[in-house]
């Protein structure tokens, strides 16, 4: 149904059907998106355009945003790195362990990236470090809305202080 699903839900449905599925088309899309080193590389993959259609059908059309193509590529490339849908967020996974799975230096570089184009490759590398395990829905929603609020929440998740997160006046998701 039009407009009834959040961007995270739409992206998770796409991931299940087009990336995580055990089919030749999914294996090919997964491989092409994992090898993508630029926005253009990601936009050259037909599965990325399937994601765009699904988002547009659910009234989350990225074409209406200034950075729409870059954001679409970021989401597709990031989700292609995921091999397992877990309950933990990517930021929680990055901050897990002793020492943390992702160094503070690398994490700080991620959260300082304001533009999707700046985030695409470092995030793909970081997701490989945690062996592709994170909440698909939450990662997709975070990347769809990527903002100061999202980056702030990632800091609390990374440092294991989710109870200290600010309570949003308006939710982005």
Protein backbone atom coordinates (compact mmCIF):
# COMPACT_ATOMS: atom_id res chain seq x y z
CA UNK A 1 0.00 0.00 0.00
CA UNK A 2 1.16 3.49 -0.81
CA UNK A 3 2.67 5.44 2.05
CA UNK A 4 1.99 2.87 4.76
CA UNK A 5 5.58 1.73 5.28
CA UNK A 6 8.48 3.62 6.81
CA UNK A 7 11.66 4.04 4.75
CA UNK A 8 13.35 1.48 7.00
CA UNK A 9 10.65 -1.11 6.36
CA UNK A 10 10.70 -0.51 2.60
CA UNK A 11 14.48 -0.88 2.55
CA UNK A 12 14.38 -4.05 4.65
CA UNK A 13 11.82 -5.60 2.29
CA UNK A 14 14.12 -4.69 -0.62
CA UNK A 15 17.14 -6.17 1.19
CA UNK A 16 15.30 -9.46 1.83
CA UNK A 17 14.12 -9.75 -1.79
CA UNK A 18 17.01 -8.27 -3.76
CA UNK A 19 20.17 -8.62 -1.65
CA UNK A 20 19.83 -11.39 0.95
CA UNK A 21 17.84 -13.79 -1.24
CA UNK A 22 19.47 -16.99 -2.44
CA UNK A 23 19.14 -16.26 -6.14
CA UNK A 24 21.48 -15.45 -8.99
CA UNK A 25 20.08 -11.93 -9.32
CA UNK A 26 20.57 -11.23 -5.59
CA UNK A 27 24.11 -12.61 -5.63
CA UNK A 28 24.95 -10.44 -8.63
CA UNK A 29 23.41 -7.28 -7.09
CA UNK A 30 25.16 -7.96 -3.79
CA UNK A 31 28.52 -8.39 -5.51
CA UNK A 32 28.15 -5.31 -7.72
CA UNK A 33 27.08 -3.10 -4.82
CA UNK A 34 29.85 -4.40 -2.56
CA UNK A 35 32.39 -3.51 -5.27
CA UNK A 36 30.89 -0.04 -5.87
CA UNK A 37 33.40 2.68 -5.08
CA UNK A 38 31.32 5.66 -6.21
CA UNK A 39 27.75 6.89 -6.43
CA UNK A 40 27.86 6.23 -10.18
CA UNK A 41 28.94 2.61 -9.60
CA UNK A 42 25.98 2.06 -7.27
CA UNK A 43 23.53 3.79 -9.61
CA UNK A 44 24.67 1.50 -12.44
CA UNK A 45 23.17 -1.48 -10.57
CA UNK A 46 19.56 -2.23 -11.48
CA UNK A 47 18.72 -3.34 -7.91
CA UNK A 48 19.45 0.22 -6.76
CA UNK A 49 16.71 1.47 -9.06
CA UNK A 50 14.36 -1.19 -7.73
CA UNK A 51 14.98 0.25 -4.26
CA UNK A 52 14.27 3.74 -5.61
CA UNK A 53 10.95 2.57 -7.11
CA UNK A 54 9.94 0.88 -3.86
CA UNK A 55 10.71 4.03 -1.85
CA UNK A 56 8.83 6.23 -4.33
CA UNK A 57 5.81 3.89 -4.25
CA UNK A 58 5.77 4.20 -0.45
CA UNK A 59 5.88 8.01 -0.74
CA UNK A 60 9.52 8.28 0.33
CA UNK A 61 10.77 9.48 -3.05
CA UNK A 62 14.44 10.40 -2.80
CA UNK A 63 14.23 12.29 -6.10
CA UNK A 64 12.61 15.13 -4.15
CA UNK A 65 15.77 15.65 -2.12
CA UNK A 66 18.82 17.63 -3.19
CA UNK A 67 21.10 14.69 -2.35
CA UNK A 68 18.64 12.00 -3.46
CA UNK A 69 20.87 10.03 -5.87
CA UNK A 70 23.79 10.11 -3.41
CA UNK A 71 21.57 9.00 -0.53
CA UNK A 72 20.05 6.21 -2.64
CA UNK A 73 23.53 4.95 -3.54
CA UNK A 74 24.63 5.13 0.11
CA UNK A 75 21.66 3.07 1.31
CA UNK A 76 22.05 0.45 -1.43
CA UNK A 77 25.81 0.05 -0.89
CA UNK A 78 25.49 -0.06 2.91
CA UNK A 79 22.69 -2.62 2.91
CA UNK A 80 24.62 -4.79 0.44
CA UNK A 81 27.34 -5.12 3.11
CA UNK A 82 24.86 -6.67 5.58
CA UNK A 83 24.83 -10.42 5.81
CA UNK A 84 22.64 -10.78 8.88
CA UNK A 85 19.68 -8.81 10.26
CA UNK A 86 20.30 -8.41 14.00
CA UNK A 87 18.49 -6.50 16.72
CA UNK A 88 21.50 -4.30 17.48
CA UNK A 89 22.08 -1.09 15.56
CA UNK A 90 25.22 -0.64 13.50
CA UNK A 91 26.50 1.96 15.99
CA UNK A 92 25.95 -0.46 18.90
CA UNK A 93 27.86 -3.14 17.01
CA UNK A 94 30.67 -0.68 16.22
CA UNK A 95 30.98 0.11 19.93
CA UNK A 96 30.83 -3.46 21.19
CA UNK A 97 33.76 -5.39 22.58
CA UNK A 98 36.95 -4.47 24.35
CA UNK A 99 38.60 -3.04 22.38
CA UNK A 100 35.62 -1.70 20.45
CA UNK A 101 34.94 -3.38 17.12
CA UNK A 102 35.45 -0.06 15.33
CA UNK A 103 38.12 2.26 16.65
CA UNK A 104 37.10 5.63 18.04
CA UNK A 105 39.04 7.31 15.24
CA UNK A 106 37.11 5.46 12.51
CA UNK A 107 33.80 5.96 14.30
CA UNK A 108 34.43 9.70 14.64
CA UNK A 109 35.17 9.89 10.92
CA UNK A 110 31.80 8.25 10.21
CA UNK A 111 29.75 10.57 12.36
CA UNK A 112 31.51 13.66 11.04
CA UNK A 113 30.47 12.81 7.46
CA UNK A 114 27.50 15.01 6.66
CA UNK A 115 27.10 14.16 3.00
CA UNK A 116 26.14 10.67 1.79
CA UNK A 117 28.97 10.74 -0.76
CA UNK A 118 31.51 11.19 2.08
CA UNK A 119 29.98 8.36 4.11
CA UNK A 120 29.59 5.62 1.49
CA UNK A 121 33.05 3.98 1.42
CA UNK A 122 34.02 4.41 5.10
CA UNK A 123 30.65 3.00 6.18
CA UNK A 124 30.99 0.02 3.84
CA UNK A 125 34.41 -0.75 5.34
CA UNK A 126 33.08 -0.34 8.88
CA UNK A 127 30.17 -2.71 8.19
CA UNK A 128 32.62 -5.32 6.94
CA UNK A 129 34.55 -5.00 10.23
CA UNK A 130 31.41 -6.09 12.15
CA UNK A 131 30.94 -8.91 9.63
CA UNK A 132 27.76 -7.40 8.19
CA UNK A 133 25.59 -7.94 11.24
CA UNK A 134 23.21 -5.13 12.25
CA UNK A 135 19.56 -4.13 12.16
CA UNK A 136 18.72 -3.70 8.48
CA UNK A 137 15.63 -1.59 9.15
CA UNK A 138 17.38 0.74 11.60
CA UNK A 139 20.48 1.22 9.43
CA UNK A 140 18.33 2.01 6.39
CA UNK A 141 16.22 4.50 8.34
CA UNK A 142 19.31 6.15 9.82
CA UNK A 143 20.85 6.58 6.37
CA UNK A 144 17.59 7.81 4.86
CA UNK A 145 17.36 10.53 7.53
CA UNK A 146 21.14 11.00 8.12
CA UNK A 147 21.27 14.25 10.08
CA UNK A 148 22.74 15.84 13.20
CA UNK A 149 20.10 14.01 15.26
CA UNK A 150 20.99 10.65 13.73
CA UNK A 151 24.69 11.22 14.28
CA UNK A 152 24.02 12.22 17.91
CA UNK A 153 22.05 9.01 18.48
CA UNK A 154 24.87 6.97 16.93
CA UNK A 155 27.27 8.49 19.47
CA UNK A 156 25.07 7.34 22.36
CA UNK A 157 24.67 3.87 20.82
CA UNK A 158 28.41 3.52 20.14
CA UNK A 159 29.35 4.49 23.69
CA UNK A 160 26.73 2.19 25.21
CA UNK A 161 24.61 4.97 26.70
CA UNK A 162 21.25 4.60 24.88
CA UNK A 163 19.33 5.63 28.02
CA UNK A 164 21.09 9.00 27.89
CA UNK A 165 19.86 9.79 24.37
CA UNK A 166 17.91 13.03 24.10
CA UNK A 167 14.17 12.56 23.77
CA UNK A 168 13.24 13.96 20.37
CA UNK A 169 10.50 16.55 20.13
CA UNK A 170 9.73 15.29 16.66
CA UNK A 171 10.76 11.91 15.42
CA UNK A 172 12.39 11.63 12.01
CA UNK A 173 11.34 8.06 11.43
